[in-house]
Protein backbone atom coordinates (compact mmCIF):
# COMPACT_ATOMS: atom_id res chain seq x y z
CA MET A 1 -16.11 28.18 -46.06
CA PRO A 2 -16.75 30.83 -43.36
CA ARG A 3 -20.23 31.40 -42.00
CA PRO A 4 -21.94 34.57 -43.32
CA ALA A 5 -21.78 37.48 -40.89
CA LEU A 6 -25.55 38.03 -41.24
CA GLU A 7 -28.28 35.45 -41.82
CA VAL A 8 -32.02 35.54 -42.49
CA ALA A 9 -32.35 33.71 -39.16
CA ASP A 10 -30.76 36.68 -37.36
CA ILE A 11 -33.34 39.03 -38.86
CA PHE A 12 -36.26 36.77 -37.92
CA ARG A 13 -34.94 36.27 -34.39
CA GLN A 14 -34.59 39.98 -33.78
CA TYR A 15 -37.66 41.29 -35.60
CA GLY A 16 -39.86 38.27 -36.33
CA ALA A 17 -41.95 38.36 -33.14
CA ALA A 18 -42.95 41.99 -33.68
CA TYR A 19 -43.73 41.30 -37.33
CA ARG A 20 -45.96 38.34 -36.47
CA GLU A 21 -47.82 40.42 -33.92
CA ALA A 22 -48.41 43.28 -36.35
CA HIS A 23 -49.39 41.24 -39.42
CA GLN A 24 -51.77 38.40 -40.18
CA LEU A 25 -49.73 35.54 -41.62
CA SER A 26 -50.70 32.17 -43.03
CA PHE A 27 -49.87 28.94 -41.22
CA ASP A 28 -47.26 28.13 -43.88
CA GLN A 29 -45.56 31.50 -43.40
CA LEU A 30 -45.52 31.14 -39.62
CA ARG A 31 -44.06 27.67 -39.93
CA VAL A 32 -41.29 28.86 -42.25
CA MET A 33 -40.35 31.76 -39.98
CA ARG A 34 -40.13 29.53 -36.93
CA ALA A 35 -38.18 26.84 -38.76
CA ILE A 36 -35.57 29.35 -39.94
CA GLU A 37 -35.32 30.90 -36.48
CA VAL A 38 -34.52 27.62 -34.72
CA CYS A 39 -32.44 26.02 -37.49
CA ARG A 40 -29.16 24.68 -36.07
CA THR A 41 -29.94 25.76 -32.53
CA ALA A 42 -30.45 23.78 -29.33
CA ALA A 43 -34.21 23.87 -29.97
CA LEU A 44 -33.85 21.12 -32.57
CA GLY A 45 -31.32 19.05 -30.68
CA GLY A 46 -28.12 17.68 -32.15
CA HIS A 47 -24.98 15.98 -30.92
CA ILE A 48 -21.59 16.60 -29.36
CA GLU A 49 -18.51 16.04 -31.49
CA ARG A 50 -14.92 15.52 -30.38
CA CYS A 51 -11.76 15.55 -32.49
CA ASP A 52 -9.96 12.21 -32.44
CA GLY A 53 -6.65 14.02 -32.69
CA CYS A 54 -6.60 16.99 -30.33
CA ASP A 55 -9.74 16.43 -28.18
CA PHE A 56 -11.39 19.66 -29.39
CA THR A 57 -15.14 19.44 -28.56
CA ARG A 58 -18.13 21.29 -29.98
CA ASN A 59 -21.93 21.15 -30.18
CA ALA A 60 -23.45 20.44 -33.61
CA TYR A 61 -27.15 21.25 -33.83
CA ASN A 62 -29.70 19.81 -36.25
CA SER A 63 -31.09 21.57 -39.32
CA CYS A 64 -34.77 22.43 -39.80
CA ARG A 65 -34.77 20.97 -43.37
CA ASN A 66 -37.39 23.46 -44.49
CA ARG A 67 -37.25 24.04 -48.25
CA HIS A 68 -37.36 27.83 -47.73
CA CYS A 69 -34.42 27.92 -45.32
CA PRO A 70 -31.19 29.33 -46.81
CA LYS A 71 -29.04 27.06 -44.63
CA CYS A 72 -30.81 23.77 -45.41
CA GLN A 73 -30.67 23.58 -49.19
CA GLY A 74 -27.08 22.39 -49.44
CA ALA A 75 -27.64 18.81 -48.33
CA GLU A 76 -30.94 18.53 -50.23
CA ARG A 77 -29.30 19.93 -53.35
CA ALA A 78 -26.45 17.42 -53.09
CA ARG A 79 -28.90 14.50 -52.79
CA TRP A 80 -30.93 15.76 -55.73
CA LEU A 81 -27.84 16.23 -57.90
CA ALA A 82 -26.60 12.75 -57.05
CA ALA A 83 -29.90 11.32 -58.31
CA ARG A 84 -29.77 13.41 -61.50
CA LYS A 85 -26.24 12.37 -62.48
CA SER A 86 -27.50 8.98 -63.62
CA GLU A 87 -30.30 10.58 -65.68
CA LEU A 88 -28.24 12.83 -67.94
CA LEU A 89 -27.99 12.08 -71.65
CA PRO A 90 -25.01 12.74 -73.96
CA VAL A 91 -26.77 15.56 -75.82
CA GLU A 92 -26.92 19.35 -75.80
CA TYR A 93 -29.13 20.82 -73.06
CA PHE A 94 -31.41 23.85 -73.40
CA HIS A 95 -32.89 26.32 -70.92
CA VAL A 96 -36.32 27.87 -71.59
CA VAL A 97 -38.02 30.35 -69.24
CA PHE A 98 -41.78 31.03 -69.14
CA THR A 99 -42.88 34.24 -67.37
CA LEU A 100 -46.30 35.61 -66.40
CA PRO A 101 -47.33 39.20 -67.25
CA GLU A 102 -47.58 41.56 -64.29
CA GLN A 103 -51.40 41.72 -64.08
CA ILE A 104 -51.70 37.94 -64.30
CA ALA A 105 -48.98 37.64 -61.65
CA GLN A 106 -51.16 39.76 -59.35
CA ILE A 107 -53.89 37.14 -59.59
CA ALA A 108 -51.29 34.45 -58.87
CA PHE A 109 -50.20 36.37 -55.76
CA TYR A 110 -53.60 35.72 -54.13
CA ASN A 111 -54.19 32.30 -55.72
CA LYS A 112 -50.80 30.63 -55.56
CA GLU A 113 -51.71 26.97 -55.66
CA THR A 114 -54.29 27.36 -58.43
CA VAL A 115 -52.37 29.73 -60.72
CA TYR A 116 -48.96 28.14 -60.19
CA GLY A 117 -50.57 24.83 -61.09
CA ILE A 118 -51.93 26.39 -64.30
CA LEU A 119 -48.46 27.75 -65.05
CA PHE A 120 -46.98 24.25 -64.85
CA ARG A 121 -49.72 22.69 -66.97
CA ALA A 122 -49.69 25.35 -69.68
CA THR A 123 -45.90 25.30 -69.89
CA SER A 124 -45.63 21.52 -70.11
CA GLU A 125 -48.41 21.22 -72.68
CA THR A 126 -46.78 23.96 -74.75
CA LEU A 127 -43.37 22.32 -74.90
CA LEU A 128 -44.71 18.80 -75.49
CA THR A 129 -47.15 19.94 -78.20
CA ILE A 130 -44.73 22.08 -80.21
CA ALA A 131 -42.00 19.43 -79.96
CA ARG A 132 -44.39 16.75 -81.29
CA ASP A 133 -45.32 18.90 -84.30
CA PRO A 134 -43.71 17.32 -87.42
CA LYS A 135 -43.06 20.87 -88.72
CA ARG A 136 -40.88 21.57 -85.67
CA LEU A 137 -39.02 18.70 -84.02
CA GLY A 138 -41.49 15.84 -84.44
CA ALA A 139 -40.35 14.06 -81.29
CA GLU A 140 -41.40 13.12 -77.77
CA ILE A 141 -39.22 15.20 -75.47
CA GLY A 142 -38.55 15.06 -71.76
CA PHE A 143 -37.77 17.91 -69.40
CA PHE A 144 -38.25 19.21 -65.90
CA ALA A 145 -39.51 22.60 -64.74
CA ILE A 146 -38.51 24.59 -61.66
CA LEU A 147 -40.76 27.28 -60.19
CA HIS A 148 -39.20 30.54 -59.04
CA THR A 149 -41.47 33.28 -57.71
CA TRP A 150 -38.99 36.08 -57.03
CA GLY A 151 -36.79 38.61 -58.75
CA GLN A 152 -33.52 39.99 -57.43
CA ASN A 153 -35.44 42.70 -55.54
CA LEU A 154 -37.55 39.97 -53.82
CA LEU A 155 -40.77 41.22 -55.42
CA HIS A 156 -43.31 38.73 -56.79
CA HIS A 157 -42.16 37.51 -60.19
CA PRO A 158 -43.43 33.97 -60.95
CA HIS A 159 -41.66 32.12 -63.76
CA LEU A 160 -40.65 28.59 -64.72
CA HIS A 161 -37.13 27.48 -65.63
CA CYS A 162 -37.28 24.46 -67.94
CA VAL A 163 -34.25 22.28 -68.62
CA VAL A 164 -34.65 20.25 -71.82
CA PRO A 165 -32.34 17.74 -73.52
CA GLY A 166 -31.89 18.74 -77.17
CA GLY A 167 -33.98 16.11 -78.90
CA GLY A 168 -36.40 13.29 -78.28
CA LEU A 169 -37.85 9.98 -79.35
CA SER A 170 -39.40 9.58 -82.78
CA PRO A 171 -43.17 8.84 -82.89
CA ASP A 172 -42.45 5.15 -83.45
CA HIS A 173 -39.77 5.18 -80.71
CA GLU A 174 -37.29 3.62 -83.15
CA ARG A 175 -34.76 6.45 -83.25
CA TRP A 176 -33.54 9.61 -81.55
CA ILE A 177 -34.34 12.91 -83.27
CA SER A 178 -31.83 15.65 -82.46
CA CYS A 179 -32.65 19.34 -82.68
CA LEU A 180 -30.49 21.72 -84.70
CA PRO A 181 -27.20 22.68 -83.02
CA GLY A 182 -27.81 25.67 -80.76
CA PHE A 183 -31.55 25.83 -81.56
CA PHE A 184 -34.39 24.02 -79.81
CA LEU A 185 -37.85 25.38 -80.69
CA PRO A 186 -39.03 28.78 -82.04
CA VAL A 187 -39.68 31.12 -79.12
CA ARG A 188 -42.53 33.04 -80.76
CA VAL A 189 -44.46 29.84 -81.47
CA LEU A 190 -43.93 28.71 -77.86
CA SER A 191 -45.07 32.10 -76.55
CA GLU A 192 -48.30 32.15 -78.57
CA LEU A 193 -49.39 28.66 -77.56
CA PHE A 194 -48.38 29.21 -73.93
CA ARG A 195 -50.45 32.41 -73.81
CA ARG A 196 -53.54 30.72 -75.26
CA LEU A 197 -53.36 27.65 -73.03
CA PHE A 198 -52.75 29.66 -69.89
CA LEU A 199 -55.60 32.11 -70.49
CA GLU A 200 -58.01 29.27 -71.32
CA GLN A 201 -57.18 27.45 -68.10
CA LEU A 202 -57.32 30.65 -66.06
CA GLU A 203 -60.78 31.37 -67.48
CA ASP A 204 -61.91 27.84 -66.58
CA ALA A 205 -60.66 28.35 -63.02
CA PHE A 206 -62.61 31.62 -62.78
CA TYR A 207 -65.92 30.07 -63.83
CA ARG A 208 -65.35 27.14 -61.47
CA ASN A 209 -65.03 29.69 -58.64
CA GLU A 210 -61.47 28.58 -57.88
CA LEU A 211 -60.08 32.13 -57.77
CA ARG A 212 -60.42 34.86 -55.15
CA PHE A 213 -59.92 38.58 -55.69
CA PRO A 214 -59.08 40.48 -52.50
CA GLY A 215 -57.54 43.92 -52.13
CA SER A 216 -56.48 45.76 -55.26
CA ILE A 217 -57.78 43.09 -57.65
CA GLU A 218 -61.29 42.98 -56.16
CA PRO A 219 -62.88 44.54 -59.32
CA LEU A 220 -61.91 41.38 -61.22
CA GLU A 221 -64.62 39.47 -59.36
CA ASP A 222 -66.96 40.87 -61.99
CA ALA A 223 -67.13 38.50 -64.96
CA PHE A 224 -67.09 41.35 -67.49
CA ALA A 225 -63.98 42.90 -65.93
CA PHE A 226 -62.25 39.52 -65.82
CA ASP A 227 -63.11 38.75 -69.45
CA GLU A 228 -61.80 42.18 -70.45
CA LEU A 229 -58.52 41.42 -68.68
CA LEU A 230 -58.18 38.15 -70.57
CA ARG A 231 -58.96 39.82 -73.90
CA SER A 232 -56.40 42.56 -73.26
CA HIS A 233 -53.68 39.96 -72.70
CA ALA A 234 -54.66 37.72 -75.60
CA ASP A 235 -52.98 40.05 -78.10
CA ARG A 236 -49.87 40.88 -76.08
CA ASP A 237 -46.50 39.24 -76.33
CA TRP A 238 -45.80 36.94 -73.39
CA VAL A 239 -42.21 36.47 -72.33
CA VAL A 240 -40.80 33.08 -73.24
CA TYR A 241 -37.04 33.29 -73.19
CA ALA A 242 -34.72 30.65 -74.61
CA LYS A 243 -31.29 31.15 -73.10
CA PRO A 244 -28.18 30.05 -74.98
CA PRO A 245 -27.74 26.29 -74.59
CA PHE A 246 -25.29 25.30 -71.89
CA GLY A 247 -23.82 22.44 -73.89
CA GLY A 248 -23.55 18.86 -72.70
CA PRO A 249 -24.47 17.12 -69.47
CA GLN A 250 -21.49 18.40 -67.48
CA ARG A 251 -22.56 22.02 -67.93
CA ALA A 252 -26.18 21.02 -67.32
CA LEU A 253 -25.22 19.49 -63.98
CA GLU A 254 -23.45 22.69 -62.96
CA TYR A 255 -26.52 24.71 -63.89
CA LEU A 256 -28.88 22.40 -62.02
CA GLY A 257 -26.93 22.87 -58.82
CA ARG A 258 -27.35 26.63 -59.02
CA TYR A 259 -31.07 26.75 -59.77
CA THR A 260 -32.98 23.76 -58.45
CA HIS A 261 -32.91 24.42 -54.71
CA ARG A 262 -32.44 28.16 -54.73
CA VAL A 263 -34.41 30.21 -52.21
CA ALA A 264 -35.59 33.81 -52.53
CA ILE A 265 -32.37 35.16 -51.02
CA SER A 266 -29.22 33.46 -49.81
CA ASN A 267 -27.42 34.49 -46.66
CA ARG A 268 -24.41 35.47 -48.74
CA ARG A 269 -26.36 38.32 -50.35
CA LEU A 270 -27.12 39.95 -46.99
CA LEU A 271 -24.79 42.87 -46.24
CA SER A 272 -26.00 44.56 -43.06
CA LEU A 273 -28.79 44.99 -40.51
CA GLU A 274 -28.65 48.43 -38.92
CA ASP A 275 -31.29 50.72 -37.40
CA GLY A 276 -34.15 48.58 -38.65
CA GLN A 277 -32.82 48.54 -42.22
CA VAL A 278 -31.67 45.49 -44.20
CA THR A 279 -29.14 45.96 -46.99
CA PHE A 280 -28.53 43.20 -49.53
CA GLN A 281 -26.88 42.67 -52.89
CA TRP A 282 -29.00 42.64 -56.03
CA LYS A 283 -28.69 42.74 -59.81
CA ASN A 284 -30.88 44.83 -62.08
CA TYR A 285 -31.68 42.67 -65.11
CA ARG A 286 -34.48 44.84 -66.50
CA ASN A 287 -32.96 48.27 -67.05
CA GLU A 288 -29.97 48.06 -69.36
CA HIS A 289 -29.12 51.74 -68.73
CA CYS A 290 -28.69 51.30 -64.96
CA GLU A 291 -25.84 49.78 -63.03
CA ARG A 292 -26.33 46.03 -63.21
CA SER A 293 -25.01 45.20 -59.73
CA GLY A 294 -25.44 47.08 -56.49
CA SER A 295 -27.10 47.05 -53.10
CA MET A 296 -30.68 47.63 -51.98
CA THR A 297 -31.83 48.77 -48.55
CA LEU A 298 -35.30 48.01 -47.20
CA ALA A 299 -37.03 48.58 -43.88
CA VAL A 300 -36.88 45.32 -41.96
CA ASP A 301 -40.67 44.89 -42.07
CA GLU A 302 -40.70 45.32 -45.84
CA PHE A 303 -37.80 42.87 -46.17
CA GLN A 304 -39.70 40.26 -44.16
CA ARG A 305 -42.87 40.88 -46.16
CA ARG A 306 -41.08 40.40 -49.46
CA LEU A 307 -39.38 37.27 -48.21
CA LEU A 308 -42.58 35.68 -46.91
CA ILE A 309 -44.62 36.22 -50.09
CA HIS A 310 -42.49 33.48 -51.66
CA VAL A 311 -43.56 30.80 -49.17
CA LEU A 312 -45.25 28.08 -51.21
CA PRO A 313 -48.44 26.30 -50.12
CA GLY A 314 -47.74 23.20 -48.06
CA GLY A 315 -47.10 20.14 -50.22
CA PHE A 316 -46.83 22.12 -53.47
CA GLN A 317 -44.22 20.56 -55.78
CA ARG A 318 -41.91 23.21 -57.24
CA ILE A 319 -39.87 20.79 -59.38
CA ARG A 320 -41.88 18.67 -61.84
CA TYR A 321 -40.98 16.22 -64.61
CA TYR A 322 -42.63 15.70 -67.98
CA GLY A 323 -42.47 13.62 -71.16
CA TYR A 324 -40.07 10.70 -71.03
CA LEU A 325 -38.71 12.17 -67.75
CA ALA A 326 -42.09 11.84 -66.01
CA ASN A 327 -41.78 9.89 -62.77
CA CYS A 328 -43.92 6.98 -63.95
CA GLN A 329 -41.67 6.12 -66.91
CA ARG A 330 -38.36 7.90 -66.37
CA LYS A 331 -36.14 4.90 -65.61
CA GLU A 332 -37.41 2.77 -68.49
CA LYS A 333 -37.40 5.59 -71.07
CA LEU A 334 -33.93 6.87 -70.12
CA GLU A 335 -32.43 3.41 -70.50
CA TYR A 336 -34.02 3.13 -73.91
CA CYS A 337 -32.79 6.61 -74.92
CA ARG A 338 -29.22 5.67 -74.00
CA THR A 339 -29.54 2.47 -76.00
CA ILE A 340 -30.59 4.18 -79.20
CA LEU A 341 -28.07 6.98 -78.64
CA ALA A 342 -25.46 4.21 -78.35
CA ALA A 343 -23.48 6.15 -75.77
CA GLY A 344 -22.92 6.14 -72.04
CA ILE A 345 -22.58 9.22 -69.88
CA THR A 346 -19.79 8.33 -67.47
CA GLY A 347 -17.04 10.04 -69.43
CA LEU A 348 -19.15 13.17 -69.96
CA LEU A 349 -19.86 13.83 -66.30
CA PRO A 350 -17.64 15.69 -63.83
CA GLN A 351 -15.22 13.55 -61.88
CA ALA A 352 -15.77 12.96 -58.16
CA GLU A 353 -13.41 15.75 -57.13
CA GLN A 354 -15.09 18.19 -59.52
CA CYS A 355 -18.49 17.28 -58.08
CA ARG A 356 -17.21 17.81 -54.54
CA GLN A 357 -15.77 21.23 -55.37
CA MET A 358 -18.95 22.25 -57.19
CA GLU A 359 -21.18 21.20 -54.30
CA GLU A 360 -18.98 23.11 -51.84
CA ALA A 361 -19.27 26.23 -53.99
CA LEU A 362 -23.05 25.93 -54.26
CA THR A 363 -23.98 25.11 -50.68
CA GLU A 364 -24.27 27.04 -47.46
CA PRO A 365 -21.58 26.17 -44.92
CA GLU A 366 -22.26 22.95 -43.03
CA PRO A 367 -20.57 21.70 -39.87
CA GLY A 368 -17.52 19.88 -41.25
CA HIS A 369 -16.01 16.55 -40.26
CA ARG A 370 -12.44 17.92 -40.21
CA CYS A 371 -11.35 19.44 -36.90
CA PRO A 372 -11.37 23.28 -37.15
CA ARG A 373 -8.64 23.56 -34.52
CA CYS A 374 -5.89 21.16 -35.61
CA GLY A 375 -7.04 20.67 -39.20
CA LYS A 376 -5.97 17.03 -39.15
CA GLY A 377 -8.29 15.10 -36.85
CA THR A 378 -11.84 13.95 -37.60
CA MET A 379 -14.82 15.10 -35.57
CA VAL A 380 -16.49 12.05 -34.01
CA ARG A 381 -19.96 12.01 -32.46
CA ILE A 382 -19.75 11.19 -28.75
CA ALA A 383 -23.18 12.16 -27.39
CA VAL A 384 -26.70 13.10 -28.48
CA LEU A 385 -28.34 16.39 -27.52
CA GLU A 386 -32.10 16.08 -27.13
CA PRO A 387 -34.24 18.90 -28.55
CA ILE A 388 -35.52 21.37 -26.01
CA ARG A 389 -39.10 22.59 -25.79
CA TRP A 390 -40.05 24.89 -28.66
CA PRO A 391 -39.00 28.25 -27.20
CA ALA A 392 -40.87 31.53 -27.32
CA SER A 393 -37.58 33.17 -28.32
CA PRO A 394 -35.18 30.89 -30.20
CA PRO A 395 -31.63 30.90 -28.90
CA ASP A 396 -29.08 32.93 -30.84
CA THR A 397 -26.16 30.67 -31.60
CA SER A 398 -24.30 33.17 -33.76
């Protein structure tokens, strides 16, 4: 797979220093910018490789491994997918998305750790509660949720993607209860409970002084204004979207690879960098009357601003597991689920070659082991390159 002609790293290397000087950035944002700038350059060290067939030699530099770097998600995604293969069940899988209204998202913009945490808690409690209701599914379900904070235009748009096996354990754990084919849980019921739980927890955070209100949302510091905001949203419809189920575990695995380790923008979407303007591909999902696919051009400072607003607080977990998939009980519960389902998963999963092709399609290009010159030999490590001192201006290895 050829390397993209333009990368986020190229933009940061050329314009990042000026942007940092002109804007006050958080430590996490500064760290992400620098990591992307030096990724796979001499600054991080690496090794020298030589082909065992034709003696072709090249330098292979180390990756930054930052979770926001477009070039470093391929290997992490592959490791994560390998771990998930053994956890899939032979059932239909569903995809449910929970989205915050625009005014609430503005509060989240300035209170990421607190409000994103509320989003996870309200979402998980909603799904677990409705699924346990005997009038609905009446079962203990398991699922995981993935936080995305961006839209195609890179603006702030926090939402959770939840991947849920279609069914769960009965209250007595004696049998598996399957949901109806093609239907998981009623969206309107999910939306109403999600809205109530989220607003209650947001109100608690306000009165515990866990929220701050700078800039345009400063008036919300007043308790009356904040309460009025909550009341105005208590009667509105909140977007909970249940996408069509993607079928069994093989389709679920394909989906997981595309969503779990996605960053705000991939290098493949970048089209050009000219005269201080960045052009990139985007899709318009909101306006049905407009062209769905096209390109967007932003001033380079605005592009960097939009990209950096999606940097998560250090240590914040953007993939979380709940129900019988919770970390503390996942292995034991999954084994039990397979026992009562009386089915294995080996025959339902993609074969090794399918997995390899899928991972290649989903990942950014990595230095390969096959010789790029002769195409037959294998690249063998012959020497180690020590990292150089963290440079003021990262080297451009494009």
